Amino acid sequence: MSGVYDAPVPDHRRKWDKEVYEKLAQERLKELEDDSSESEEEHTIPVKRELLKPRDYKVDLDSKLGKSQVITKTTPASQQGGYYCNVCDCVVKDSINFLDHINGKKHQRNLGMSMKIERSSLDQVKARFELNKKKKEEKKKDYDFEERVKELQEEEEKQKAYKKEKRKDRKRKANDSIDDIDPDMSAVMGFSGFGGSSKNN
């Protein structure tokens, strides 16, 4: 009985020839080095990107506010819900992330700009201060108290007129929808008294 257990059990694990695999790895490394040196020779010209510039247009964040839109599977990305960037061909779901995207590195790189900015000279800074000073002075208006009161009264009158017009429009629409109903059908349904005519007692 003891003779059966004393016999060595053959190892079931697979054995690897380390020297062969080491040679293969060395050959692969040599091939990669040769390829990389060739590609470096081909692409040694660096891409020169423009310096970062300020936007010369206003970012449209309000045009889709409060509007409903039906989106299907076949709706193109530019017409889906959210903010579409035509430079990067992507849709961003809210305005904050859209602003982050258009100010970000990926978007600027697609526009052909680096994230580096031009250093301003002393003369440029002085000129900018002068320009801002002039703008401030133009904006200042000497309001006299009576003029201000008149302006506020005019604004209130405009708002009242606008609200009145809105009410009239709503009444007109309601009356139009009532007039569109078939009189026979309204009599059958018991709505004949709602037409706005006076009752006979």
N, C-alpha and C. Protein backbone atom coordinates (compact mmCIF):
# COMPACT_ATOMS: atom_id res chain seq x y z
N MET A 1 0.81 -1.20 0.00
CA MET A 1 0.00 0.00 0.00
C MET A 1 0.85 1.25 0.00
N SER A 2 1.90 1.21 0.76
CA SER A 2 2.73 2.41 0.82
C SER A 2 3.44 2.65 -0.51
N GLY A 3 3.68 1.62 -1.33
CA GLY A 3 4.38 1.75 -2.61
C GLY A 3 3.58 2.56 -3.62
N VAL A 4 2.25 2.53 -3.57
CA VAL A 4 1.40 3.24 -4.52
C VAL A 4 1.51 4.75 -4.31
N TYR A 5 1.54 5.17 -3.04
CA TYR A 5 1.57 6.61 -2.75
C TYR A 5 2.96 7.22 -2.89
N ASP A 6 4.00 6.40 -2.87
CA ASP A 6 5.36 6.93 -2.97
C ASP A 6 5.75 7.28 -4.39
N ALA A 7 5.05 6.80 -5.42
CA ALA A 7 5.41 7.07 -6.82
C ALA A 7 5.15 8.55 -7.13
N PRO A 8 6.09 9.21 -7.86
CA PRO A 8 5.90 10.64 -8.18
C PRO A 8 4.74 10.84 -9.15
N VAL A 9 3.94 11.84 -8.88
CA VAL A 9 2.77 12.16 -9.72
C VAL A 9 3.26 13.09 -10.85
N PRO A 10 2.93 12.74 -12.11
CA PRO A 10 3.38 13.63 -13.21
C PRO A 10 2.69 15.00 -13.10
N ASP A 11 3.47 16.07 -13.37
CA ASP A 11 2.95 17.44 -13.23
C ASP A 11 2.02 17.74 -14.41
N HIS A 12 0.80 18.15 -14.12
CA HIS A 12 -0.19 18.41 -15.17
C HIS A 12 -0.06 19.81 -15.77
N ARG A 13 0.78 20.65 -15.17
CA ARG A 13 0.94 22.02 -15.66
C ARG A 13 1.80 22.04 -16.92
N ARG A 14 1.49 23.04 -17.81
CA ARG A 14 2.22 23.16 -19.06
C ARG A 14 3.56 23.84 -18.81
N LYS A 15 4.60 23.35 -19.45
CA LYS A 15 5.93 23.93 -19.28
C LYS A 15 6.22 24.85 -20.46
N TRP A 16 6.88 26.01 -20.18
CA TRP A 16 7.24 26.98 -21.21
C TRP A 16 8.75 27.03 -21.36
N ASP A 17 9.15 27.13 -22.61
CA ASP A 17 10.57 27.26 -22.87
C ASP A 17 10.89 28.77 -22.82
N LYS A 18 11.47 29.21 -21.74
CA LYS A 18 11.69 30.63 -21.51
C LYS A 18 12.65 31.24 -22.53
N GLU A 19 13.64 30.51 -22.93
CA GLU A 19 14.64 31.03 -23.87
C GLU A 19 14.01 31.36 -25.23
N VAL A 20 13.11 30.47 -25.72
CA VAL A 20 12.46 30.69 -27.03
C VAL A 20 11.59 31.94 -26.99
N TYR A 21 10.81 32.08 -25.93
CA TYR A 21 9.91 33.24 -25.83
C TYR A 21 10.68 34.54 -25.62
N GLU A 22 11.85 34.45 -24.94
CA GLU A 22 12.67 35.64 -24.74
C GLU A 22 13.23 36.12 -26.08
N LYS A 23 13.64 35.16 -26.94
CA LYS A 23 14.13 35.51 -28.28
C LYS A 23 13.03 36.18 -29.10
N LEU A 24 11.81 35.63 -29.04
CA LEU A 24 10.67 36.21 -29.78
C LEU A 24 10.39 37.65 -29.32
N ALA A 25 10.45 37.87 -28.01
CA ALA A 25 10.19 39.20 -27.47
C ALA A 25 11.25 40.19 -27.94
N GLN A 26 12.54 39.75 -27.95
CA GLN A 26 13.63 40.62 -28.42
C GLN A 26 13.43 40.99 -29.89
N GLU A 27 13.04 40.02 -30.72
CA GLU A 27 12.81 40.29 -32.15
C GLU A 27 11.66 41.29 -32.33
N ARG A 28 10.59 41.11 -31.57
CA ARG A 28 9.44 42.01 -31.67
C ARG A 28 9.84 43.44 -31.28
N LEU A 29 10.65 43.58 -30.21
CA LEU A 29 11.12 44.90 -29.79
C LEU A 29 11.96 45.57 -30.88
N LYS A 30 12.83 44.79 -31.54
CA LYS A 30 13.66 45.34 -32.61
C LYS A 30 12.80 45.85 -33.76
N GLU A 31 11.75 45.07 -34.14
CA GLU A 31 10.85 45.47 -35.22
C GLU A 31 10.13 46.78 -34.86
N LEU A 32 9.66 46.88 -33.61
CA LEU A 32 8.97 48.10 -33.17
C LEU A 32 9.89 49.32 -33.22
N GLU A 33 11.16 49.13 -32.80
CA GLU A 33 12.11 50.23 -32.83
C GLU A 33 12.39 50.69 -34.26
N ASP A 34 12.52 49.72 -35.18
CA ASP A 34 12.75 50.06 -36.59
C ASP A 34 11.58 50.84 -37.17
N ASP A 35 10.34 50.37 -36.86
CA ASP A 35 9.13 51.05 -37.36
C ASP A 35 9.03 52.46 -36.82
N SER A 36 9.31 52.63 -35.52
CA SER A 36 9.17 53.95 -34.91
C SER A 36 10.22 54.92 -35.46
N SER A 37 11.44 54.44 -35.72
CA SER A 37 12.47 55.34 -36.27
C SER A 37 12.10 55.77 -37.69
N GLU A 38 11.50 54.87 -38.47
CA GLU A 38 11.06 55.23 -39.83
C GLU A 38 9.92 56.25 -39.79
N SER A 39 8.95 56.03 -38.89
CA SER A 39 7.81 56.95 -38.82
C SER A 39 8.25 58.31 -38.30
N GLU A 40 9.27 58.36 -37.40
CA GLU A 40 9.77 59.64 -36.91
C GLU A 40 10.43 60.43 -38.04
N GLU A 41 11.13 59.74 -38.92
CA GLU A 41 11.76 60.41 -40.05
C GLU A 41 10.72 61.00 -40.99
N GLU A 42 9.60 60.29 -41.17
CA GLU A 42 8.54 60.76 -42.06
C GLU A 42 7.79 61.95 -41.47
N HIS A 43 7.54 61.94 -40.15
CA HIS A 43 6.69 62.94 -39.50
C HIS A 43 7.47 63.88 -38.58
N THR A 44 8.61 64.36 -39.04
CA THR A 44 9.39 65.25 -38.18
C THR A 44 8.88 66.69 -38.23
N ILE A 45 8.01 67.04 -39.19
CA ILE A 45 7.50 68.40 -39.29
C ILE A 45 6.40 68.59 -38.26
N PRO A 46 6.59 69.47 -37.25
CA PRO A 46 5.55 69.67 -36.23
C PRO A 46 4.40 70.51 -36.80
N VAL A 47 3.20 70.26 -36.28
CA VAL A 47 2.02 71.01 -36.72
C VAL A 47 2.01 72.34 -35.98
N LYS A 48 2.00 73.42 -36.73
CA LYS A 48 1.98 74.77 -36.12
C LYS A 48 0.53 75.22 -36.02
N ARG A 49 0.06 75.40 -34.80
CA ARG A 49 -1.32 75.84 -34.58
C ARG A 49 -1.34 77.32 -34.25
N GLU A 50 -2.47 77.95 -34.56
CA GLU A 50 -2.63 79.37 -34.25
C GLU A 50 -2.76 79.56 -32.75
N LEU A 51 -2.45 80.77 -32.31
CA LEU A 51 -2.65 81.10 -30.90
C LEU A 51 -4.14 81.29 -30.63
N LEU A 52 -4.54 81.10 -29.41
CA LEU A 52 -5.95 81.22 -29.02
C LEU A 52 -6.46 82.64 -29.25
N LYS A 53 -7.63 82.74 -29.88
CA LYS A 53 -8.21 84.06 -30.18
C LYS A 53 -9.58 84.18 -29.51
N PRO A 54 -10.01 85.41 -29.21
CA PRO A 54 -11.38 85.56 -28.66
C PRO A 54 -12.42 85.32 -29.74
N ARG A 55 -13.61 84.85 -29.33
CA ARG A 55 -14.70 84.61 -30.28
C ARG A 55 -15.20 85.92 -30.84
N ASP A 56 -15.52 85.94 -32.14
CA ASP A 56 -16.07 87.16 -32.74
C ASP A 56 -17.56 87.01 -33.00
N TYR A 57 -18.19 86.02 -32.37
CA TYR A 57 -19.63 85.81 -32.51
C TYR A 57 -20.23 85.51 -31.15
N LYS A 58 -21.56 85.69 -31.05
CA LYS A 58 -22.25 85.43 -29.79
C LYS A 58 -22.70 83.98 -29.79
N VAL A 59 -22.47 83.27 -28.70
CA VAL A 59 -22.87 81.87 -28.59
C VAL A 59 -24.38 81.82 -28.36
N ASP A 60 -25.07 81.06 -29.22
CA ASP A 60 -26.54 80.99 -29.15
C ASP A 60 -26.96 79.91 -28.15
N LEU A 61 -27.39 80.34 -26.97
CA LEU A 61 -27.84 79.40 -25.95
C LEU A 61 -29.35 79.48 -25.73
N ASP A 62 -30.01 80.53 -26.22
CA ASP A 62 -31.42 80.78 -25.90
C ASP A 62 -32.40 80.40 -26.99
N SER A 63 -31.94 80.09 -28.19
CA SER A 63 -32.88 79.90 -29.31
C SER A 63 -33.81 78.69 -29.11
N LYS A 64 -33.34 77.65 -28.40
CA LYS A 64 -34.18 76.45 -28.22
C LYS A 64 -34.86 76.40 -26.87
N LEU A 65 -34.73 77.47 -26.09
CA LEU A 65 -35.33 77.47 -24.76
C LEU A 65 -36.85 77.45 -24.83
N GLY A 66 -37.49 76.59 -24.07
CA GLY A 66 -38.95 76.55 -23.98
C GLY A 66 -39.63 75.97 -25.20
N LYS A 67 -38.90 75.35 -26.11
CA LYS A 67 -39.50 74.79 -27.32
C LYS A 67 -39.53 73.27 -27.23
N SER A 68 -40.63 72.69 -27.74
CA SER A 68 -40.75 71.23 -27.77
C SER A 68 -40.33 70.73 -29.14
N GLN A 69 -39.75 69.53 -29.18
CA GLN A 69 -39.29 68.99 -30.45
C GLN A 69 -39.43 67.48 -30.42
N VAL A 70 -39.95 66.91 -31.51
CA VAL A 70 -40.11 65.46 -31.60
C VAL A 70 -38.81 64.89 -32.17
N ILE A 71 -38.25 63.91 -31.48
CA ILE A 71 -37.00 63.30 -31.91
C ILE A 71 -37.25 61.82 -32.16
N THR A 72 -36.86 61.35 -33.34
CA THR A 72 -37.00 59.94 -33.69
C THR A 72 -35.61 59.32 -33.84
N LYS A 73 -35.59 58.03 -34.20
CA LYS A 73 -34.30 57.36 -34.38
C LYS A 73 -33.55 57.91 -35.58
N THR A 74 -34.29 58.42 -36.56
CA THR A 74 -33.66 58.90 -37.80
C THR A 74 -33.35 60.40 -37.77
N THR A 75 -33.65 61.07 -36.67
CA THR A 75 -33.37 62.51 -36.57
C THR A 75 -31.85 62.72 -36.58
N PRO A 76 -31.35 63.61 -37.45
CA PRO A 76 -29.90 63.84 -37.47
C PRO A 76 -29.41 64.47 -36.17
N ALA A 77 -28.13 64.28 -35.88
CA ALA A 77 -27.56 64.76 -34.61
C ALA A 77 -27.73 66.26 -34.43
N SER A 78 -27.67 67.01 -35.54
CA SER A 78 -27.76 68.47 -35.45
C SER A 78 -29.14 68.95 -35.00
N GLN A 79 -30.18 68.09 -35.14
CA GLN A 79 -31.54 68.49 -34.77
C GLN A 79 -32.05 67.77 -33.54
N GLN A 80 -31.18 67.03 -32.87
CA GLN A 80 -31.61 66.33 -31.65
C GLN A 80 -31.63 67.30 -30.48
N GLY A 81 -32.16 66.82 -29.36
CA GLY A 81 -32.23 67.67 -28.18
C GLY A 81 -30.85 67.98 -27.64
N GLY A 82 -30.65 69.21 -27.25
CA GLY A 82 -29.35 69.61 -26.72
C GLY A 82 -28.68 70.61 -27.63
N TYR A 83 -27.40 70.83 -27.40
CA TYR A 83 -26.63 71.81 -28.15
C TYR A 83 -25.67 71.07 -29.08
N TYR A 84 -25.75 71.36 -30.38
CA TYR A 84 -24.95 70.66 -31.38
C TYR A 84 -23.70 71.48 -31.73
N CYS A 85 -22.55 70.84 -31.73
CA CYS A 85 -21.29 71.48 -32.14
C CYS A 85 -20.96 70.97 -33.53
N ASN A 86 -21.03 71.84 -34.54
CA ASN A 86 -20.78 71.39 -35.91
C ASN A 86 -19.29 71.20 -36.19
N VAL A 87 -18.42 71.76 -35.38
CA VAL A 87 -16.98 71.58 -35.57
C VAL A 87 -16.57 70.17 -35.16
N CYS A 88 -17.06 69.73 -34.00
CA CYS A 88 -16.69 68.41 -33.47
C CYS A 88 -17.73 67.34 -33.79
N ASP A 89 -18.88 67.73 -34.36
CA ASP A 89 -19.98 66.84 -34.70
C ASP A 89 -20.43 66.04 -33.47
N CYS A 90 -20.79 66.78 -32.42
CA CYS A 90 -21.28 66.11 -31.21
C CYS A 90 -22.42 66.92 -30.60
N VAL A 91 -23.24 66.25 -29.79
CA VAL A 91 -24.36 66.91 -29.12
C VAL A 91 -24.07 66.94 -27.62
N VAL A 92 -24.22 68.12 -27.02
CA VAL A 92 -24.02 68.28 -25.59
C VAL A 92 -25.38 68.61 -24.98
N LYS A 93 -25.71 68.00 -23.85
CA LYS A 93 -27.07 68.05 -23.33
C LYS A 93 -27.48 69.35 -22.64
N ASP A 94 -26.53 70.09 -22.05
CA ASP A 94 -26.94 71.34 -21.39
C ASP A 94 -25.97 72.48 -21.68
N SER A 95 -26.39 73.70 -21.37
CA SER A 95 -25.64 74.89 -21.76
C SER A 95 -24.28 74.99 -21.06
N ILE A 96 -24.21 74.59 -19.81
CA ILE A 96 -22.94 74.69 -19.08
C ILE A 96 -21.89 73.78 -19.70
N ASN A 97 -22.29 72.53 -19.98
CA ASN A 97 -21.35 71.60 -20.61
C ASN A 97 -21.01 72.03 -22.03
N PHE A 98 -21.96 72.67 -22.73
CA PHE A 98 -21.68 73.16 -24.09
C PHE A 98 -20.62 74.26 -24.04
N LEU A 99 -20.75 75.19 -23.08
CA LEU A 99 -19.74 76.23 -22.93
C LEU A 99 -18.38 75.64 -22.56
N ASP A 100 -18.39 74.65 -21.66
CA ASP A 100 -17.14 73.96 -21.32
C ASP A 100 -16.53 73.33 -22.55
N HIS A 101 -17.38 72.73 -23.39
CA HIS A 101 -16.88 72.05 -24.60
C HIS A 101 -16.26 73.05 -25.58
N ILE A 102 -16.96 74.16 -25.88
CA ILE A 102 -16.43 75.08 -26.89
C ILE A 102 -15.22 75.86 -26.38
N ASN A 103 -15.02 75.89 -25.05
CA ASN A 103 -13.82 76.52 -24.51
C ASN A 103 -12.71 75.49 -24.26
N GLY A 104 -12.99 74.22 -24.53
CA GLY A 104 -12.06 73.15 -24.20
C GLY A 104 -11.01 72.89 -25.25
N LYS A 105 -10.06 72.05 -24.88
CA LYS A 105 -8.90 71.74 -25.72
C LYS A 105 -9.28 71.04 -27.01
N LYS A 106 -10.17 70.06 -26.93
CA LYS A 106 -10.54 69.27 -28.12
C LYS A 106 -11.17 70.17 -29.19
N HIS A 107 -12.10 71.01 -28.78
CA HIS A 107 -12.80 71.90 -29.72
C HIS A 107 -11.81 72.90 -30.34
N GLN A 108 -10.96 73.49 -29.50
CA GLN A 108 -9.99 74.46 -30.00
C GLN A 108 -8.99 73.81 -30.96
N ARG A 109 -8.63 72.58 -30.67
CA ARG A 109 -7.71 71.86 -31.56
C ARG A 109 -8.38 71.59 -32.91
N ASN A 110 -9.67 71.24 -32.88
CA ASN A 110 -10.40 71.02 -34.14
C ASN A 110 -10.54 72.31 -34.95
N LEU A 111 -10.54 73.45 -34.25
CA LEU A 111 -10.57 74.75 -34.94
C LEU A 111 -9.20 75.14 -35.47
N GLY A 112 -8.16 74.39 -35.09
CA GLY A 112 -6.81 74.69 -35.54
C GLY A 112 -6.08 75.66 -34.63
N MET A 113 -6.49 75.71 -33.36
CA MET A 113 -5.84 76.61 -32.40
C MET A 113 -5.25 75.83 -31.24
N SER A 114 -4.13 76.34 -30.73
CA SER A 114 -3.57 75.74 -29.52
C SER A 114 -4.18 76.47 -28.33
N MET A 115 -3.91 76.01 -27.14
CA MET A 115 -4.47 76.65 -25.95
C MET A 115 -3.56 77.78 -25.43
N LYS A 116 -2.52 78.11 -26.22
CA LYS A 116 -1.62 79.19 -25.81
C LYS A 116 -2.17 80.52 -26.31
N ILE A 117 -1.97 81.56 -25.51
CA ILE A 117 -2.46 82.88 -25.90
C ILE A 117 -1.29 83.81 -26.17
N GLU A 118 -1.57 84.82 -26.97
CA GLU A 118 -0.54 85.80 -27.30
C GLU A 118 -0.29 86.70 -26.10
N ARG A 119 0.97 86.96 -25.83
CA ARG A 119 1.31 87.87 -24.71
C ARG A 119 1.07 89.30 -25.15
N SER A 120 0.36 90.06 -24.34
CA SER A 120 0.06 91.45 -24.68
C SER A 120 1.23 92.35 -24.29
N SER A 121 1.46 93.37 -25.12
CA SER A 121 2.51 94.34 -24.79
C SER A 121 1.89 95.43 -23.90
N LEU A 122 2.74 96.26 -23.35
CA LEU A 122 2.28 97.34 -22.47
C LEU A 122 1.37 98.31 -23.23
N ASP A 123 1.72 98.61 -24.47
CA ASP A 123 0.92 99.52 -25.29
C ASP A 123 -0.49 98.97 -25.54
N GLN A 124 -0.57 97.64 -25.79
CA GLN A 124 -1.89 97.02 -26.03
C GLN A 124 -2.76 97.11 -24.77
N VAL A 125 -2.16 96.89 -23.62
CA VAL A 125 -2.91 96.94 -22.36
C VAL A 125 -3.42 98.36 -22.12
N LYS A 126 -2.57 99.37 -22.36
CA LYS A 126 -2.97 100.77 -22.18
C LYS A 126 -4.12 101.13 -23.13
N ALA A 127 -4.01 100.68 -24.38
CA ALA A 127 -5.05 100.95 -25.37
C ALA A 127 -6.38 100.33 -24.94
N ARG A 128 -6.32 99.10 -24.38
CA ARG A 128 -7.54 98.42 -23.92
C ARG A 128 -8.19 99.18 -22.77
N PHE A 129 -7.36 99.67 -21.83
CA PHE A 129 -7.89 100.45 -20.71
C PHE A 129 -8.58 101.72 -21.21
N GLU A 130 -7.98 102.39 -22.17
CA GLU A 130 -8.56 103.61 -22.73
C GLU A 130 -9.92 103.30 -23.38
N LEU A 131 -9.97 102.21 -24.14
CA LEU A 131 -11.20 101.81 -24.82
C LEU A 131 -12.31 101.53 -23.81
N ASN A 132 -11.99 100.80 -22.75
CA ASN A 132 -12.98 100.48 -21.71
C ASN A 132 -13.45 101.73 -20.98
N LYS A 133 -12.54 102.68 -20.78
CA LYS A 133 -12.89 103.94 -20.12
C LYS A 133 -13.89 104.72 -20.96
N LYS A 134 -13.64 104.78 -22.27
CA LYS A 134 -14.54 105.50 -23.18
C LYS A 134 -15.93 104.85 -23.19
N LYS A 135 -15.96 103.51 -23.21
CA LYS A 135 -17.25 102.79 -23.21
C LYS A 135 -18.04 103.12 -21.95
N LYS A 136 -17.36 103.17 -20.81
CA LYS A 136 -18.03 103.48 -19.55
C LYS A 136 -18.63 104.88 -19.57
N GLU A 137 -17.87 105.81 -20.11
CA GLU A 137 -18.34 107.19 -20.16
C GLU A 137 -19.56 107.34 -21.07
N GLU A 138 -19.57 106.58 -22.19
CA GLU A 138 -20.71 106.63 -23.11
C GLU A 138 -21.96 106.08 -22.46
N LYS A 139 -21.80 105.03 -21.63
CA LYS A 139 -22.96 104.40 -21.00
C LYS A 139 -23.60 105.28 -19.93
N LYS A 140 -22.79 106.13 -19.33
CA LYS A 140 -23.32 106.98 -18.24
C LYS A 140 -24.32 107.97 -18.82
N LYS A 141 -25.50 107.96 -18.28
CA LYS A 141 -26.52 108.95 -18.65
C LYS A 141 -26.94 109.66 -17.38
N ASP A 142 -27.00 110.97 -17.50
CA ASP A 142 -27.44 111.73 -16.32
C ASP A 142 -28.96 111.70 -16.28
N TYR A 143 -29.47 110.81 -15.43
CA TYR A 143 -30.92 110.70 -15.30
C TYR A 143 -31.42 111.70 -14.28
N ASP A 144 -32.35 112.40 -14.69
CA ASP A 144 -32.99 113.33 -13.77
C ASP A 144 -34.18 112.54 -13.19
N PHE A 145 -34.56 112.78 -11.99
CA PHE A 145 -35.57 112.01 -11.29
C PHE A 145 -36.90 111.98 -12.04
N GLU A 146 -37.33 113.13 -12.56
CA GLU A 146 -38.62 113.20 -13.27
C GLU A 146 -38.60 112.34 -14.55
N GLU A 147 -37.48 112.40 -15.27
CA GLU A 147 -37.36 111.58 -16.49
C GLU A 147 -37.48 110.10 -16.15
N ARG A 148 -36.83 109.72 -15.08
CA ARG A 148 -36.86 108.31 -14.65
C ARG A 148 -38.28 107.88 -14.31
N VAL A 149 -39.03 108.73 -13.59
CA VAL A 149 -40.42 108.43 -13.22
C VAL A 149 -41.27 108.29 -14.48
N LYS A 150 -41.07 109.21 -15.45
CA LYS A 150 -41.82 109.13 -16.72
C LYS A 150 -41.55 107.81 -17.44
N GLU A 151 -40.28 107.43 -17.49
CA GLU A 151 -39.92 106.18 -18.17
C GLU A 151 -40.60 104.99 -17.51
N LEU A 152 -40.58 104.96 -16.19
CA LEU A 152 -41.21 103.85 -15.46
C LEU A 152 -42.72 103.80 -15.73
N GLN A 153 -43.37 104.98 -15.77
CA GLN A 153 -44.81 105.02 -16.06
C GLN A 153 -45.09 104.51 -17.48
N GLU A 154 -44.26 104.91 -18.44
CA GLU A 154 -44.44 104.44 -19.82
C GLU A 154 -44.29 102.92 -19.91
N GLU A 155 -43.29 102.38 -19.20
CA GLU A 155 -43.10 100.92 -19.20
C GLU A 155 -44.31 100.21 -18.62
N GLU A 156 -44.85 100.74 -17.52
CA GLU A 156 -46.03 100.13 -16.90
C GLU A 156 -47.22 100.16 -17.85
N GLU A 157 -47.41 101.29 -18.54
CA GLU A 157 -48.52 101.40 -19.50
C GLU A 157 -48.37 100.39 -20.63
N LYS A 158 -47.14 100.23 -21.11
CA LYS A 158 -46.89 99.26 -22.19
C LYS A 158 -47.23 97.84 -21.72
N GLN A 159 -46.81 97.51 -20.50
CA GLN A 159 -47.08 96.18 -19.96
C GLN A 159 -48.59 95.95 -19.80
N LYS A 160 -49.30 96.98 -19.32
CA LYS A 160 -50.76 96.85 -19.17
C LYS A 160 -51.43 96.63 -20.52
N ALA A 161 -51.00 97.40 -21.52
CA ALA A 161 -51.58 97.27 -22.87
C ALA A 161 -51.30 95.88 -23.43
N TYR A 162 -50.10 95.38 -23.19
CA TYR A 162 -49.73 94.05 -23.69
C TYR A 162 -50.59 92.97 -23.03
N LYS A 163 -50.78 93.06 -21.70
CA LYS A 163 -51.61 92.09 -20.99
C LYS A 163 -53.06 92.14 -21.46
N LYS A 164 -53.56 93.37 -21.68
CA LYS A 164 -54.93 93.54 -22.16
C LYS A 164 -55.12 92.88 -23.52
N GLU A 165 -54.15 93.10 -24.39
CA GLU A 165 -54.19 92.51 -25.74
C GLU A 165 -54.18 90.98 -25.65
N LYS A 166 -53.37 90.45 -24.76
CA LYS A 166 -53.31 88.99 -24.58
C LYS A 166 -54.65 88.44 -24.13
N ARG A 167 -55.31 89.14 -23.17
CA ARG A 167 -56.61 88.70 -22.70
C ARG A 167 -57.62 88.69 -23.84
N LYS A 168 -57.60 89.76 -24.64
CA LYS A 168 -58.52 89.84 -25.78
C LYS A 168 -58.29 88.69 -26.75
N ASP A 169 -57.01 88.38 -27.01
CA ASP A 169 -56.69 87.27 -27.92
C ASP A 169 -57.24 85.95 -27.38
N ARG A 170 -57.07 85.72 -26.07
CA ARG A 170 -57.57 84.48 -25.47
C ARG A 170 -59.08 84.39 -25.59
N LYS A 171 -59.78 85.50 -25.33
CA LYS A 171 -61.25 85.50 -25.45
C LYS A 171 -61.66 85.24 -26.88
N ARG A 172 -60.96 85.89 -27.82
CA ARG A 172 -61.29 85.72 -29.24
C ARG A 172 -61.12 84.26 -29.66
N LYS A 173 -60.01 83.63 -29.21
CA LYS A 173 -59.77 82.23 -29.55
C LYS A 173 -60.83 81.33 -28.94
N ALA A 174 -61.21 81.61 -27.69
CA ALA A 174 -62.24 80.80 -27.03
C ALA A 174 -63.57 80.93 -27.77
N ASN A 175 -63.94 82.13 -28.17
CA ASN A 175 -65.18 82.35 -28.92
C ASN A 175 -65.14 81.65 -30.28
N ASP A 176 -63.99 81.69 -30.95
CA ASP A 176 -63.85 81.03 -32.25
C ASP A 176 -64.02 79.53 -32.12
N SER A 177 -63.46 78.95 -31.04
CA SER A 177 -63.58 77.50 -30.87
C SER A 177 -65.02 77.11 -30.55
N ILE A 178 -65.76 77.96 -29.84
CA ILE A 178 -67.17 77.67 -29.54
C ILE A 178 -68.01 77.76 -30.80
N ASP A 179 -67.71 78.75 -31.66
CA ASP A 179 -68.47 78.93 -32.89
C ASP A 179 -68.26 77.77 -33.86
N ASP A 180 -67.13 77.08 -33.78
CA ASP A 180 -66.83 75.98 -34.70
C ASP A 180 -67.67 74.73 -34.41
N ILE A 181 -68.28 74.62 -33.24
CA ILE A 181 -69.05 73.43 -32.86
C ILE A 181 -70.38 73.42 -33.62
N ASP A 182 -70.75 72.23 -34.08
CA ASP A 182 -72.00 72.04 -34.82
C ASP A 182 -73.18 72.34 -33.88
N PRO A 183 -74.14 73.24 -34.26
CA PRO A 183 -75.24 73.61 -33.36
C PRO A 183 -76.15 72.41 -33.01
N ASP A 184 -76.39 71.49 -33.98
CA ASP A 184 -77.24 70.32 -33.69
C ASP A 184 -76.59 69.44 -32.63
N MET A 185 -75.29 69.25 -32.79
CA MET A 185 -74.56 68.40 -31.86
C MET A 185 -74.56 69.03 -30.47
N SER A 186 -74.38 70.36 -30.39
CA SER A 186 -74.35 71.02 -29.08
C SER A 186 -75.74 70.96 -28.43
N ALA A 187 -76.81 71.00 -29.22
CA ALA A 187 -78.16 70.90 -28.67
C ALA A 187 -78.39 69.52 -28.09
N VAL A 188 -77.91 68.47 -28.80
CA VAL A 188 -78.04 67.10 -28.32
C VAL A 188 -77.25 66.92 -27.02
N MET A 189 -76.07 67.54 -26.96
CA MET A 189 -75.21 67.39 -25.79
C MET A 189 -75.67 68.27 -24.63
N GLY A 190 -76.56 69.24 -24.89
CA GLY A 190 -77.06 70.10 -23.84
C GLY A 190 -76.23 71.36 -23.66
N PHE A 191 -75.51 71.77 -24.70
CA PHE A 191 -74.66 72.96 -24.62
C PHE A 191 -75.28 74.18 -25.29
N SER A 192 -76.53 74.14 -25.60
CA SER A 192 -77.13 75.22 -26.39
C SER A 192 -77.13 76.56 -25.64
N GLY A 193 -77.07 76.54 -24.32
CA GLY A 193 -77.13 77.78 -23.53
C GLY A 193 -75.80 78.49 -23.39
N PHE A 194 -74.69 77.90 -23.87
CA PHE A 194 -73.37 78.47 -23.63
C PHE A 194 -72.91 79.38 -24.76
N GLY A 195 -73.70 79.65 -25.73
CA GLY A 195 -73.28 80.41 -26.90
C GLY A 195 -73.13 81.89 -26.64
N GLY A 196 -73.49 82.40 -25.51
CA GLY A 196 -73.34 83.81 -25.22
C GLY A 196 -74.61 84.61 -25.49
N SER A 197 -75.66 83.93 -25.98
CA SER A 197 -76.92 84.65 -26.24
C SER A 197 -77.68 84.81 -24.94
N SER A 198 -78.54 85.82 -24.86
CA SER A 198 -79.30 86.06 -23.61
C SER A 198 -80.46 85.09 -23.52
N LYS A 199 -80.81 84.73 -22.29
CA LYS A 199 -81.91 83.77 -22.08
C LYS A 199 -83.25 84.51 -22.11
N ASN A 200 -84.24 83.85 -22.65
CA ASN A 200 -85.62 84.39 -22.63
C ASN A 200 -86.37 83.78 -21.46
N ASN A 201 -86.90 84.61 -20.57
CA ASN A 201 -87.66 84.09 -19.42
C ASN A 201 -89.13 84.11 -19.68
